[in-house]
């Protein structure tokens, strides 16, 4: 089941008391026609996240990983446009829900990324 398909009720079954749940998902997706579509704001409102951690990478690296996973060649230009759109969408969700947005990049050290995440784990 994809993040965007979860209802708040379904998510509540997985949310243990006094524990943090990390969800891996997207703010925008590609349609079957390679058009960028936003995950509805209501999805994030239902999840009620405490913070957003957005993973950002070089589009060529993303394209390579997707090609290995899917066996298809993905155009870097499209991957770059999708990532840019997701960053914009994550900023919108962050602002609307009044929660922090932390952008994590592979070039950052693990220590820097972990320090950004730590306040939400305790």
PDB file of N, CA and C in Angstrom:
ATOM      1  N   UNK A   1       0.841  -1.171   0.000  1.00  0.00           N
ATOM      2  CA  UNK A   1       0.000   0.000   0.000  1.00  0.00           C
ATOM      3  C   UNK A   1       0.889   1.238   0.000  1.00  0.00           C
ATOM      4  N   UNK A   2       0.585   2.175  -0.854  1.00  0.00           N
ATOM      5  CA  UNK A   2       1.372   3.399  -0.967  1.00  0.00           C
ATOM      6  C   UNK A   2       0.922   4.419   0.067  1.00  0.00           C
ATOM      7  N   UNK A   3       1.836   5.287   0.446  1.00  0.00           N
ATOM      8  CA  UNK A   3       1.556   6.324   1.434  1.00  0.00           C
ATOM      9  C   UNK A   3       0.309   7.103   1.071  1.00  0.00           C
ATOM     10  N   UNK A   4       0.184   7.501  -0.167  1.00  0.00           N
ATOM     11  CA  UNK A   4      -0.943   8.330  -0.566  1.00  0.00           C
ATOM     12  C   UNK A   4      -2.272   7.595  -0.483  1.00  0.00           C
ATOM     13  N   UNK A   5      -2.239   6.264  -0.364  1.00  0.00           N
ATOM     14  CA  UNK A   5      -3.463   5.478  -0.256  1.00  0.00           C
ATOM     15  C   UNK A   5      -3.891   5.240   1.188  1.00  0.00           C
ATOM     16  N   UNK A   6      -3.026   5.571   2.139  1.00  0.00           N
ATOM     17  CA  UNK A   6      -3.362   5.365   3.544  1.00  0.00           C
ATOM     18  C   UNK A   6      -4.394   6.376   4.006  1.00  0.00           C
ATOM     19  N   UNK A   7      -5.407   5.893   4.702  1.00  0.00           N
ATOM     20  CA  UNK A   7      -6.354   6.799   5.333  1.00  0.00           C
ATOM     21  C   UNK A   7      -5.856   7.052   6.754  1.00  0.00           C
ATOM     22  N   UNK A   8      -6.277   8.134   7.374  1.00  0.00           N
ATOM     23  CA  UNK A   8      -5.865   8.368   8.763  1.00  0.00           C
ATOM     24  C   UNK A   8      -6.216   7.198   9.682  1.00  0.00           C
ATOM     25  N   UNK A   9      -7.362   6.569   9.443  1.00  0.00           N
ATOM     26  CA  UNK A   9      -7.757   5.415  10.268  1.00  0.00           C
ATOM     27  C   UNK A   9      -6.781   4.255  10.096  1.00  0.00           C
ATOM     28  N   UNK A  10      -6.403   3.963   8.855  1.00  0.00           N
ATOM     29  CA  UNK A  10      -5.449   2.883   8.614  1.00  0.00           C
ATOM     30  C   UNK A  10      -4.107   3.187   9.262  1.00  0.00           C
ATOM     31  N   UNK A  11      -3.661   4.421   9.154  1.00  0.00           N
ATOM     32  CA  UNK A  11      -2.386   4.798   9.749  1.00  0.00           C
ATOM     33  C   UNK A  11      -2.429   4.680  11.264  1.00  0.00           C
ATOM     34  N   UNK A  12      -3.552   5.017  11.872  1.00  0.00           N
ATOM     35  CA  UNK A  12      -3.644   4.970  13.335  1.00  0.00           C
ATOM     36  C   UNK A  12      -3.440   3.551  13.861  1.00  0.00           C
ATOM     37  N   UNK A  13      -3.739   2.554  13.065  1.00  0.00           N
ATOM     38  CA  UNK A  13      -3.522   1.164  13.487  1.00  0.00           C
ATOM     39  C   UNK A  13      -2.039   0.847  13.606  1.00  0.00           C
ATOM     40  N   UNK A  14      -1.202   1.596  12.866  1.00  0.00           N
ATOM     41  CA  UNK A  14       0.235   1.348  12.861  1.00  0.00           C
ATOM     42  C   UNK A  14       1.003   2.289  13.783  1.00  0.00           C
ATOM     43  N   UNK A  15       0.330   3.273  14.341  1.00  0.00           N
ATOM     44  CA  UNK A  15       1.007   4.285  15.150  1.00  0.00           C
ATOM     45  C   UNK A  15       1.023   3.842  16.617  1.00  0.00           C
ATOM     46  N   UNK A  16       2.149   3.292  17.052  1.00  0.00           N
ATOM     47  CA  UNK A  16       2.237   2.880  18.454  1.00  0.00           C
ATOM     48  C   UNK A  16       2.264   4.095  19.367  1.00  0.00           C
ATOM     49  N   UNK A  17       1.795   3.922  20.579  1.00  0.00           N
ATOM     50  CA  UNK A  17       1.792   5.009  21.547  1.00  0.00           C
ATOM     51  C   UNK A  17       3.221   5.385  21.931  1.00  0.00           C
ATOM     52  N   UNK A  18       3.474   6.703  21.960  1.00  0.00           N
ATOM     53  CA  UNK A  18       4.758   7.263  22.396  1.00  0.00           C
ATOM     54  C   UNK A  18       5.953   6.764  21.594  1.00  0.00           C
ATOM     55  N   UNK A  19       5.744   6.421  20.355  1.00  0.00           N
ATOM     56  CA  UNK A  19       6.848   6.017  19.488  1.00  0.00           C
ATOM     57  C   UNK A  19       6.756   6.800  18.204  1.00  0.00           C
ATOM     58  N   UNK A  20       7.875   6.955  17.560  1.00  0.00           N
ATOM     59  CA  UNK A  20       7.939   7.696  16.308  1.00  0.00           C
ATOM     60  C   UNK A  20       7.770   6.726  15.146  1.00  0.00           C
ATOM     61  N   UNK A  21       6.988   7.131  14.181  1.00  0.00           N
ATOM     62  CA  UNK A  21       6.818   6.353  12.966  1.00  0.00           C
ATOM     63  C   UNK A  21       7.442   7.156  11.832  1.00  0.00           C
ATOM     64  N   UNK A  22       8.377   6.543  11.117  1.00  0.00           N
ATOM     65  CA  UNK A  22       8.979   7.179   9.944  1.00  0.00           C
ATOM     66  C   UNK A  22       8.329   6.585   8.695  1.00  0.00           C
ATOM     67  N   UNK A  23       7.774   7.450   7.882  1.00  0.00           N
ATOM     68  CA  UNK A  23       7.149   7.005   6.645  1.00  0.00           C
ATOM     69  C   UNK A  23       7.995   7.444   5.470  1.00  0.00           C
ATOM     70  N   UNK A  24       8.135   6.562   4.515  1.00  0.00           N
ATOM     71  CA  UNK A  24       8.863   6.866   3.295  1.00  0.00           C
ATOM     72  C   UNK A  24       7.827   7.100   2.211  1.00  0.00           C
ATOM     73  N   UNK A  25       7.786   8.281   1.679  1.00  0.00           N
ATOM     74  CA  UNK A  25       6.799   8.569   0.653  1.00  0.00           C
ATOM     75  C   UNK A  25       7.209   9.763  -0.175  1.00  0.00           C
ATOM     76  N   UNK A  26       6.315  10.176  -1.024  1.00  0.00           N
ATOM     77  CA  UNK A  26       6.579  11.287  -1.943  1.00  0.00           C
ATOM     78  C   UNK A  26       5.535  12.374  -1.764  1.00  0.00           C
ATOM     79  N   UNK A  27       5.865  13.555  -2.254  1.00  0.00           N
ATOM     80  CA  UNK A  27       4.931  14.673  -2.261  1.00  0.00           C
ATOM     81  C   UNK A  27       4.308  14.827  -3.633  1.00  0.00           C
ATOM     82  N   UNK A  28       4.962  14.273  -4.648  1.00  0.00           N
ATOM     83  CA  UNK A  28       4.484  14.290  -6.023  1.00  0.00           C
ATOM     84  C   UNK A  28       4.882  12.967  -6.668  1.00  0.00           C
ATOM     85  N   UNK A  29       4.084  12.554  -7.617  1.00  0.00           N
ATOM     86  CA  UNK A  29       4.321  11.282  -8.310  1.00  0.00           C
ATOM     87  C   UNK A  29       4.205  11.501  -9.813  1.00  0.00           C
ATOM     88  N   UNK A  30       4.726  10.553 -10.569  1.00  0.00           N
ATOM     89  CA  UNK A  30       4.567  10.589 -12.020  1.00  0.00           C
ATOM     90  C   UNK A  30       3.370   9.743 -12.421  1.00  0.00           C
ATOM     91  N   UNK A  31       2.519  10.310 -13.259  1.00  0.00           N
ATOM     92  CA  UNK A  31       1.386   9.551 -13.781  1.00  0.00           C
ATOM     93  C   UNK A  31       1.900   8.580 -14.845  1.00  0.00           C
ATOM     94  N   UNK A  32       1.021   7.737 -15.332  1.00  0.00           N
ATOM     95  CA  UNK A  32       1.436   6.789 -16.374  1.00  0.00           C
ATOM     96  C   UNK A  32       1.779   7.507 -17.677  1.00  0.00           C
ATOM     97  N   UNK A  33       1.432   8.801 -17.747  1.00  0.00           N
ATOM     98  CA  UNK A  33       1.764   9.613 -18.916  1.00  0.00           C
ATOM     99  C   UNK A  33       2.963  10.521 -18.643  1.00  0.00           C
ATOM    100  N   UNK A  34       3.700  10.218 -17.567  1.00  0.00           N
ATOM    101  CA  UNK A  34       4.881  10.989 -17.150  1.00  0.00           C
ATOM    102  C   UNK A  34       4.550  12.440 -16.819  1.00  0.00           C
ATOM    103  N   UNK A  35       3.349  12.656 -16.302  1.00  0.00           N
ATOM    104  CA  UNK A  35       2.963  13.979 -15.825  1.00  0.00           C
ATOM    105  C   UNK A  35       3.115  13.996 -14.306  1.00  0.00           C
ATOM    106  N   UNK A  36       3.555  15.123 -13.772  1.00  0.00           N
ATOM    107  CA  UNK A  36       3.753  15.256 -12.335  1.00  0.00           C
ATOM    108  C   UNK A  36       2.417  15.556 -11.670  1.00  0.00           C
ATOM    109  N   UNK A  37       2.074  14.737 -10.682  1.00  0.00           N
ATOM    110  CA  UNK A  37       0.829  14.900  -9.935  1.00  0.00           C
ATOM    111  C   UNK A  37       1.158  14.973  -8.450  1.00  0.00           C
ATOM    112  N   UNK A  38       0.486  15.878  -7.751  1.00  0.00           N
ATOM    113  CA  UNK A  38       0.717  16.040  -6.319  1.00  0.00           C
ATOM    114  C   UNK A  38      -0.059  15.017  -5.506  1.00  0.00           C
ATOM    115  N   UNK A  39       0.564  14.535  -4.436  1.00  0.00           N
ATOM    116  CA  UNK A  39      -0.156  13.755  -3.437  1.00  0.00           C
ATOM    117  C   UNK A  39      -1.055  14.763  -2.722  1.00  0.00           C
ATOM    118  N   UNK A  40      -2.334  14.450  -2.528  1.00  0.00           N
ATOM    119  CA  UNK A  40      -3.255  15.421  -1.925  1.00  0.00           C
ATOM    120  C   UNK A  40      -2.805  15.897  -0.543  1.00  0.00           C
ATOM    121  N   UNK A  41      -3.032  17.170  -0.272  1.00  0.00           N
ATOM    122  CA  UNK A  41      -2.715  17.731   1.033  1.00  0.00           C
ATOM    123  C   UNK A  41      -3.430  16.964   2.139  1.00  0.00           C
ATOM    124  N   UNK A  42      -4.643  16.488   1.853  1.00  0.00           N
ATOM    125  CA  UNK A  42      -5.419  15.750   2.854  1.00  0.00           C
ATOM    126  C   UNK A  42      -4.692  14.502   3.349  1.00  0.00           C
ATOM    127  N   UNK A  43      -3.841  13.923   2.501  1.00  0.00           N
ATOM    128  CA  UNK A  43      -3.047  12.763   2.920  1.00  0.00           C
ATOM    129  C   UNK A  43      -2.128  13.163   4.070  1.00  0.00           C
ATOM    130  N   UNK A  44      -1.469  14.290   3.930  1.00  0.00           N
ATOM    131  CA  UNK A  44      -0.541  14.745   4.965  1.00  0.00           C
ATOM    132  C   UNK A  44      -1.282  15.266   6.193  1.00  0.00           C
ATOM    133  N   UNK A  45      -2.423  15.875   5.977  1.00  0.00           N
ATOM    134  CA  UNK A  45      -3.233  16.324   7.108  1.00  0.00           C
ATOM    135  C   UNK A  45      -3.683  15.127   7.932  1.00  0.00           C
ATOM    136  N   UNK A  46      -4.031  14.034   7.270  1.00  0.00           N
ATOM    137  CA  UNK A  46      -4.457  12.829   7.971  1.00  0.00           C
ATOM    138  C   UNK A  46      -3.331  12.152   8.727  1.00  0.00           C
ATOM    139  N   UNK A  47      -2.133  12.249   8.211  1.00  0.00           N
ATOM    140  CA  UNK A  47      -0.971  11.643   8.864  1.00  0.00           C
ATOM    141  C   UNK A  47      -0.558  12.460  10.090  1.00  0.00           C
ATOM    142  N   UNK A  48      -0.741  13.767  10.029  1.00  0.00           N
ATOM    143  CA  UNK A  48      -0.343  14.691  11.102  1.00  0.00           C
ATOM    144  C   UNK A  48       1.132  14.533  11.462  1.00  0.00           C
ATOM    145  N   UNK A  49       2.022  14.728  10.507  1.00  0.00           N
ATOM    146  CA  UNK A  49       3.447  14.557  10.816  1.00  0.00           C
ATOM    147  C   UNK A  49       3.963  15.661  11.734  1.00  0.00           C
ATOM    148  N   UNK A  50       5.011  15.335  12.473  1.00  0.00           N
ATOM    149  CA  UNK A  50       5.677  16.317  13.333  1.00  0.00           C
ATOM    150  C   UNK A  50       6.706  17.117  12.555  1.00  0.00           C
ATOM    151  N   UNK A  51       7.235  16.510  11.502  1.00  0.00           N
ATOM    152  CA  UNK A  51       8.262  17.148  10.685  1.00  0.00           C
ATOM    153  C   UNK A  51       8.340  16.427   9.351  1.00  0.00           C
ATOM    154  N   UNK A  52       8.972  17.082   8.407  1.00  0.00           N
ATOM    155  CA  UNK A  52       9.217  16.495   7.083  1.00  0.00           C
ATOM    156  C   UNK A  52      10.718  16.440   6.868  1.00  0.00           C
ATOM    157  N   UNK A  53      11.208  15.274   6.480  1.00  0.00           N
ATOM    158  CA  UNK A  53      12.604  15.093   6.094  1.00  0.00           C
ATOM    159  C   UNK A  53      12.598  14.701   4.632  1.00  0.00           C
ATOM    160  N   UNK A  54      13.078  15.593   3.817  1.00  0.00           N
ATOM    161  CA  UNK A  54      13.072  15.386   2.376  1.00  0.00           C
ATOM    162  C   UNK A  54      14.461  14.962   1.929  1.00  0.00           C
ATOM    163  N   UNK A  55      14.534  13.841   1.254  1.00  0.00           N
ATOM    164  CA  UNK A  55      15.807  13.355   0.727  1.00  0.00           C
ATOM    165  C   UNK A  55      15.995  13.924  -0.668  1.00  0.00           C
ATOM    166  N   UNK A  56      17.118  14.609  -0.870  1.00  0.00           N
ATOM    167  CA  UNK A  56      17.436  15.224  -2.155  1.00  0.00           C
ATOM    168  C   UNK A  56      18.747  14.631  -2.654  1.00  0.00           C
ATOM    169  N   UNK A  57      18.767  14.268  -3.936  1.00  0.00           N
ATOM    170  CA  UNK A  57      19.979  13.672  -4.496  1.00  0.00           C
ATOM    171  C   UNK A  57      20.185  14.198  -5.909  1.00  0.00           C
ATOM    172  N   UNK A  58      21.338  13.899  -6.450  1.00  0.00           N
ATOM    173  CA  UNK A  58      21.654  14.265  -7.814  1.00  0.00           C
ATOM    174  C   UNK A  58      20.714  13.497  -8.754  1.00  0.00           C
ATOM    175  N   UNK A  59      20.052  14.178  -9.684  1.00  0.00           N
ATOM    176  CA  UNK A  59      19.117  13.492 -10.583  1.00  0.00           C
ATOM    177  C   UNK A  59      19.718  12.302 -11.330  1.00  0.00           C
ATOM    178  N   UNK A  60      21.019  12.370 -11.671  1.00  0.00           N
ATOM    179  CA  UNK A  60      21.637  11.238 -12.368  1.00  0.00           C
ATOM    180  C   UNK A  60      21.713  10.013 -11.452  1.00  0.00           C
ATOM    181  N   UNK A  61      21.963  10.226 -10.153  1.00  0.00           N
ATOM    182  CA  UNK A  61      21.991   9.117  -9.199  1.00  0.00           C
ATOM    183  C   UNK A  61      20.593   8.517  -9.036  1.00  0.00           C
ATOM    184  N   UNK A  62      19.592   9.376  -8.951  1.00  0.00           N
ATOM    185  CA  UNK A  62      18.209   8.897  -8.833  1.00  0.00           C
ATOM    186  C   UNK A  62      17.840   8.101 -10.077  1.00  0.00           C
ATOM    187  N   UNK A  63      18.191   8.630 -11.232  1.00  0.00           N
ATOM    188  CA  UNK A  63      17.894   7.958 -12.498  1.00  0.00           C
ATOM    189  C   UNK A  63      18.552   6.578 -12.555  1.00  0.00           C
ATOM    190  N   UNK A  64      19.806   6.500 -12.117  1.00  0.00           N
ATOM    191  CA  UNK A  64      20.504   5.206 -12.110  1.00  0.00           C
ATOM    192  C   UNK A  64      19.813   4.201 -11.193  1.00  0.00           C
ATOM    193  N   UNK A  65      19.438   4.638  -9.983  1.00  0.00           N
ATOM    194  CA  UNK A  65      18.765   3.722  -9.046  1.00  0.00           C
ATOM    195  C   UNK A  65      17.414   3.255  -9.585  1.00  0.00           C
ATOM    196  N   UNK A  66      16.670   4.177 -10.175  1.00  0.00           N
ATOM    197  CA  UNK A  66      15.370   3.809 -10.738  1.00  0.00           C
ATOM    198  C   UNK A  66      15.533   2.836 -11.905  1.00  0.00           C
ATOM    199  N   UNK A  67      16.549   3.068 -12.731  1.00  0.00           N
ATOM    200  CA  UNK A  67      16.802   2.170 -13.860  1.00  0.00           C
ATOM    201  C   UNK A  67      17.157   0.772 -13.383  1.00  0.00           C
ATOM    202  N   UNK A  68      17.956   0.689 -12.324  1.00  0.00           N
ATOM    203  CA  UNK A  68      18.306  -0.617 -11.760  1.00  0.00           C
ATOM    204  C   UNK A  68      17.074  -1.304 -11.177  1.00  0.00           C
ATOM    205  N   UNK A  69      16.229  -0.522 -10.524  1.00  0.00           N
ATOM    206  CA  UNK A  69      15.035  -1.083  -9.896  1.00  0.00           C
ATOM    207  C   UNK A  69      13.984  -1.487 -10.922  1.00  0.00           C
ATOM    208  N   UNK A  70      13.720  -0.598 -11.900  1.00  0.00           N
ATOM    209  CA  UNK A  70      12.623  -0.803 -12.836  1.00  0.00           C
ATOM    210  C   UNK A  70      13.037  -1.451 -14.144  1.00  0.00           C
ATOM    211  N   UNK A  71      14.340  -1.447 -14.432  1.00  0.00           N
ATOM    212  CA  UNK A  71      14.800  -1.959 -15.715  1.00  0.00           C
ATOM    213  C   UNK A  71      14.458  -1.029 -16.870  1.00  0.00           C
ATOM    214  N   UNK A  72      14.137   0.237 -16.555  1.00  0.00           N
ATOM    215  CA  UNK A  72      13.812   1.225 -17.574  1.00  0.00           C
ATOM    216  C   UNK A  72      14.768   2.404 -17.461  1.00  0.00           C
ATOM    217  N   UNK A  73      14.996   3.070 -18.583  1.00  0.00           N
ATOM    218  CA  UNK A  73      15.826   4.271 -18.570  1.00  0.00           C
ATOM    219  C   UNK A  73      14.924   5.454 -18.238  1.00  0.00           C
ATOM    220  N   UNK A  74      15.326   6.227 -17.233  1.00  0.00           N
ATOM    221  CA  UNK A  74      14.560   7.405 -16.822  1.00  0.00           C
ATOM    222  C   UNK A  74      15.338   8.660 -17.191  1.00  0.00           C
ATOM    223  N   UNK A  75      14.676   9.574 -17.865  1.00  0.00           N
ATOM    224  CA  UNK A  75      15.340  10.802 -18.304  1.00  0.00           C
ATOM    225  C   UNK A  75      15.664  11.683 -17.097  1.00  0.00           C
ATOM    226  N   UNK A  76      16.934  12.103 -17.043  1.00  0.00           N
ATOM    227  CA  UNK A  76      17.379  12.944 -15.928  1.00  0.00           C
ATOM    228  C   UNK A  76      16.606  14.251 -15.865  1.00  0.00           C
ATOM    229  N   UNK A  77      16.240  14.793 -17.021  1.00  0.00           N
ATOM    230  CA  UNK A  77      15.494  16.052 -17.049  1.00  0.00           C
ATOM    231  C   UNK A  77      14.147  15.896 -16.335  1.00  0.00           C
ATOM    232  N   UNK A  78      13.475  14.774 -16.563  1.00  0.00           N
ATOM    233  CA  UNK A  78      12.198  14.513 -15.913  1.00  0.00           C
ATOM    234  C   UNK A  78      12.394  14.282 -14.414  1.00  0.00           C
ATOM    235  N   UNK A  79      13.430  13.536 -14.058  1.00  0.00           N
ATOM    236  CA  UNK A  79      13.733  13.283 -12.643  1.00  0.00           C
ATOM    237  C   UNK A  79      14.042  14.601 -11.938  1.00  0.00           C
ATOM    238  N   UNK A  80      14.794  15.459 -12.582  1.00  0.00           N
ATOM    239  CA  UNK A  80      15.129  16.757 -12.015  1.00  0.00           C
ATOM    240  C   UNK A  80      13.875  17.610 -11.820  1.00  0.00           C
ATOM    241  N   UNK A  81      12.998  17.618 -12.820  1.00  0.00           N
ATOM    242  CA  UNK A  81      11.752  18.388 -12.716  1.00  0.00           C
ATOM    243  C   UNK A  81      10.875  17.846 -11.590  1.00  0.00           C
ATOM    244  N   UNK A  82      10.808  16.517 -11.478  1.00  0.00           N
ATOM    245  CA  UNK A  82      10.014  15.905 -10.405  1.00  0.00           C
ATOM    246  C   UNK A  82      10.589  16.270  -9.044  1.00  0.00           C
ATOM    247  N   UNK A  83      11.901  16.190  -8.895  1.00  0.00           N
ATOM    248  CA  UNK A  83      12.525  16.521  -7.610  1.00  0.00           C
ATOM    249  C   UNK A  83      12.294  17.996  -7.262  1.00  0.00           C
ATOM    250  N   UNK A  84      12.443  18.885  -8.225  1.00  0.00           N
ATOM    251  CA  UNK A  84      12.199  20.307  -7.978  1.00  0.00           C
ATOM    252  C   UNK A  84      10.750  20.539  -7.548  1.00  0.00           C
ATOM    253  N   UNK A  85       9.830  19.851  -8.219  1.00  0.00           N
ATOM    254  CA  UNK A  85       8.413  19.986  -7.888  1.00  0.00           C
ATOM    255  C   UNK A  85       8.140  19.442  -6.479  1.00  0.00           C
ATOM    256  N   UNK A  86       8.773  18.324  -6.137  1.00  0.00           N
ATOM    257  CA  UNK A  86       8.585  17.751  -4.800  1.00  0.00           C
ATOM    258  C   UNK A  86       9.099  18.687  -3.711  1.00  0.00           C
ATOM    259  N   UNK A  87      10.202  19.350  -3.965  1.00  0.00           N
ATOM    260  CA  UNK A  87      10.733  20.306  -2.988  1.00  0.00           C
ATOM    261  C   UNK A  87       9.739  21.451  -2.791  1.00  0.00           C
ATOM    262  N   UNK A  88       9.192  21.951  -3.894  1.00  0.00           N
ATOM    263  CA  UNK A  88       8.192  23.014  -3.805  1.00  0.00           C
ATOM    264  C   UNK A  88       6.964  22.525  -3.050  1.00  0.00           C
ATOM    265  N   UNK A  89       6.527  21.316  -3.356  1.00  0.00           N
ATOM    266  CA  UNK A  89       5.342  20.744  -2.695  1.00  0.00           C
ATOM    267  C   UNK A  89       5.620  20.505  -1.214  1.00  0.00           C
ATOM    268  N   UNK A  90       6.796  20.018  -0.864  1.00  0.00           N
ATOM    269  CA  UNK A  90       7.157  19.788   0.534  1.00  0.00           C
ATOM    270  C   UNK A  90       7.160  21.108   1.302  1.00  0.00           C
ATOM    271  N   UNK A  91       7.652  22.164   0.671  1.00  0.00           N
ATOM    272  CA  UNK A  91       7.612  23.484   1.300  1.00  0.00           C
ATOM    273  C   UNK A  91       6.178  23.932   1.540  1.00  0.00           C
ATOM    274  N   UNK A  92       5.307  23.694   0.571  1.00  0.00           N
ATOM    275  CA  UNK A  92       3.893  24.044   0.718  1.00  0.00           C
ATOM    276  C   UNK A  92       3.260  23.267   1.873  1.00  0.00           C
ATOM    277  N   UNK A  93       3.485  21.957   1.919  1.00  0.00           N
ATOM    278  CA  UNK A  93       2.921  21.123   2.988  1.00  0.00           C
ATOM    279  C   UNK A  93       3.470  21.565   4.339  1.00  0.00           C
ATOM    280  N   UNK A  94       4.764  21.821   4.406  1.00  0.00           N
ATOM    281  CA  UNK A  94       5.402  22.265   5.638  1.00  0.00           C
ATOM    282  C   UNK A  94       4.786  23.576   6.135  1.00  0.00           C
ATOM    283  N   UNK A  95       4.638  24.524   5.245  1.00  0.00           N
ATOM    284  CA  UNK A  95       4.068  25.824   5.603  1.00  0.00           C
ATOM    285  C   UNK A  95       2.602  25.687   6.015  1.00  0.00           C
ATOM    286  N   UNK A  96       1.848  24.931   5.246  1.00  0.00           N
ATOM    287  CA  UNK A  96       0.422  24.760   5.526  1.00  0.00           C
ATOM    288  C   UNK A  96       0.192  24.069   6.866  1.00  0.00           C
ATOM    289  N   UNK A  97       0.973  23.020   7.151  1.00  0.00           N
ATOM    290  CA  UNK A  97       0.800  22.269   8.395  1.00  0.00           C
ATOM    291  C   UNK A  97       1.598  22.870   9.558  1.00  0.00           C
ATOM    292  N   UNK A  98       2.375  23.905   9.254  1.00  0.00           N
ATOM    293  CA  UNK A  98       3.194  24.585  10.274  1.00  0.00           C
ATOM    294  C   UNK A  98       4.140  23.612  10.984  1.00  0.00           C
ATOM    295  N   UNK A  99       4.864  22.851  10.151  1.00  0.00           N
ATOM    296  CA  UNK A  99       5.846  21.889  10.663  1.00  0.00           C
ATOM    297  C   UNK A  99       7.177  22.137   9.960  1.00  0.00           C
ATOM    298  N   UNK A 100       8.272  21.763  10.613  1.00  0.00           N
ATOM    299  CA  UNK A 100       9.578  22.002   9.984  1.00  0.00           C
ATOM    300  C   UNK A 100       9.841  21.077   8.797  1.00  0.00           C
ATOM    301  N   UNK A 101      10.603  21.603   7.872  1.00  0.00           N
ATOM    302  CA  UNK A 101      11.080  20.842   6.714  1.00  0.00           C
ATOM    303  C   UNK A 101      12.597  20.817   6.775  1.00  0.00           C
ATOM    304  N   UNK A 102      13.156  19.625   6.782  1.00  0.00           N
ATOM    305  CA  UNK A 102      14.610  19.441   6.776  1.00  0.00           C
ATOM    306  C   UNK A 102      14.974  18.713   5.486  1.00  0.00           C
ATOM    307  N   UNK A 103      15.849  19.310   4.704  1.00  0.00           N
ATOM    308  CA  UNK A 103      16.288  18.672   3.462  1.00  0.00           C
ATOM    309  C   UNK A 103      17.620  17.982   3.735  1.00  0.00           C
ATOM    310  N   UNK A 104      17.643  16.687   3.484  1.00  0.00           N
ATOM    311  CA  UNK A 104      18.824  15.854   3.732  1.00  0.00           C
ATOM    312  C   UNK A 104      19.401  15.442   2.380  1.00  0.00           C
ATOM    313  N   UNK A 105      20.703  15.651   2.232  1.00  0.00           N
ATOM    314  CA  UNK A 105      21.375  15.300   0.986  1.00  0.00           C
ATOM    315  C   UNK A 105      22.508  14.325   1.271  1.00  0.00           C
ATOM    316  N   UNK A 106      22.794  13.412   0.335  1.00  0.00           N
ATOM    317  CA  UNK A 106      23.876  12.446   0.541  1.00  0.00           C
ATOM    318  C   UNK A 106      25.220  13.107   0.810  1.00  0.00           C
ATOM    319  N   UNK A 107      25.412  14.310   0.275  1.00  0.00           N
ATOM    320  CA  UNK A 107      26.688  14.979   0.492  1.00  0.00           C
ATOM    321  C   UNK A 107      26.854  15.414   1.942  1.00  0.00           C
ATOM    322  N   UNK A 108      25.730  15.508   2.685  1.00  0.00           N
ATOM    323  CA  UNK A 108      25.804  15.802   4.118  1.00  0.00           C
ATOM    324  C   UNK A 108      26.325  14.572   4.840  1.00  0.00           C
ATOM    325  N   UNK A 109      27.059  14.784   5.883  1.00  0.00           N
ATOM    326  CA  UNK A 109      27.531  13.647   6.662  1.00  0.00           C
ATOM    327  C   UNK A 109      26.360  13.019   7.406  1.00  0.00           C
ATOM    328  N   UNK A 110      26.514  11.760   7.763  1.00  0.00           N
ATOM    329  CA  UNK A 110      25.487  11.069   8.539  1.00  0.00           C
ATOM    330  C   UNK A 110      25.218  11.824   9.833  1.00  0.00           C
ATOM    331  N   UNK A 111      26.275  12.345  10.437  1.00  0.00           N
ATOM    332  CA  UNK A 111      26.141  13.054  11.715  1.00  0.00           C
ATOM    333  C   UNK A 111      25.242  14.292  11.565  1.00  0.00           C
ATOM    334  N   UNK A 112      25.416  15.052  10.511  1.00  0.00           N
ATOM    335  CA  UNK A 112      24.600  16.237  10.270  1.00  0.00           C
ATOM    336  C   UNK A 112      23.142  15.840  10.084  1.00  0.00           C
ATOM    337  N   UNK A 113      22.898  14.811   9.287  1.00  0.00           N
ATOM    338  CA  UNK A 113      21.534  14.344   9.046  1.00  0.00           C
ATOM    339  C   UNK A 113      20.896  13.813  10.317  1.00  0.00           C
ATOM    340  N   UNK A 114      21.636  13.049  11.097  1.00  0.00           N
ATOM    341  CA  UNK A 114      21.106  12.477  12.329  1.00  0.00           C
ATOM    342  C   UNK A 114      20.778  13.572  13.337  1.00  0.00           C
ATOM    343  N   UNK A 115      21.623  14.590  13.427  1.00  0.00           N
ATOM    344  CA  UNK A 115      21.359  15.697  14.356  1.00  0.00           C
ATOM    345  C   UNK A 115      20.066  16.414  13.983  1.00  0.00           C
ATOM    346  N   UNK A 116      19.758  16.499  12.706  1.00  0.00           N
ATOM    347  CA  UNK A 116      18.515  17.130  12.273  1.00  0.00           C
ATOM    348  C   UNK A 116      17.303  16.285  12.656  1.00  0.00           C
ATOM    349  N   UNK A 117      17.474  14.986  12.657  1.00  0.00           N
ATOM    350  CA  UNK A 117      16.381  14.053  12.963  1.00  0.00           C
ATOM    351  C   UNK A 117      16.204  13.826  14.466  1.00  0.00           C
ATOM    352  N   UNK A 118      17.263  13.923  15.215  1.00  0.00           N
ATOM    353  CA  UNK A 118      17.264  13.570  16.645  1.00  0.00           C
ATOM    354  C   UNK A 118      16.158  14.226  17.470  1.00  0.00           C
ATOM    355  N   UNK A 119      15.880  15.507  17.334  1.00  0.00           N
ATOM    356  CA  UNK A 119      14.833  16.099  18.186  1.00  0.00           C
ATOM    357  C   UNK A 119      13.457  15.445  18.033  1.00  0.00           C
ATOM    358  N   UNK A 120      13.227  14.774  16.924  1.00  0.00           N
ATOM    359  CA  UNK A 120      11.924  14.162  16.678  1.00  0.00           C
ATOM    360  C   UNK A 120      11.862  12.712  17.144  1.00  0.00           C
ATOM    361  N   UNK A 121      12.984  12.177  17.579  1.00  0.00           N
ATOM    362  CA  UNK A 121      13.041  10.787  18.014  1.00  0.00           C
ATOM    363  C   UNK A 121      12.911  10.619  19.522  1.00  0.00           C
ATOM    364  N   UNK A 122      13.001  11.705  20.260  1.00  0.00           N
ATOM    365  CA  UNK A 122      12.916  11.619  21.726  1.00  0.00           C
ATOM    366  C   UNK A 122      11.603  12.118  22.248  1.00  0.00           C
TER     367      UNK A 122
END
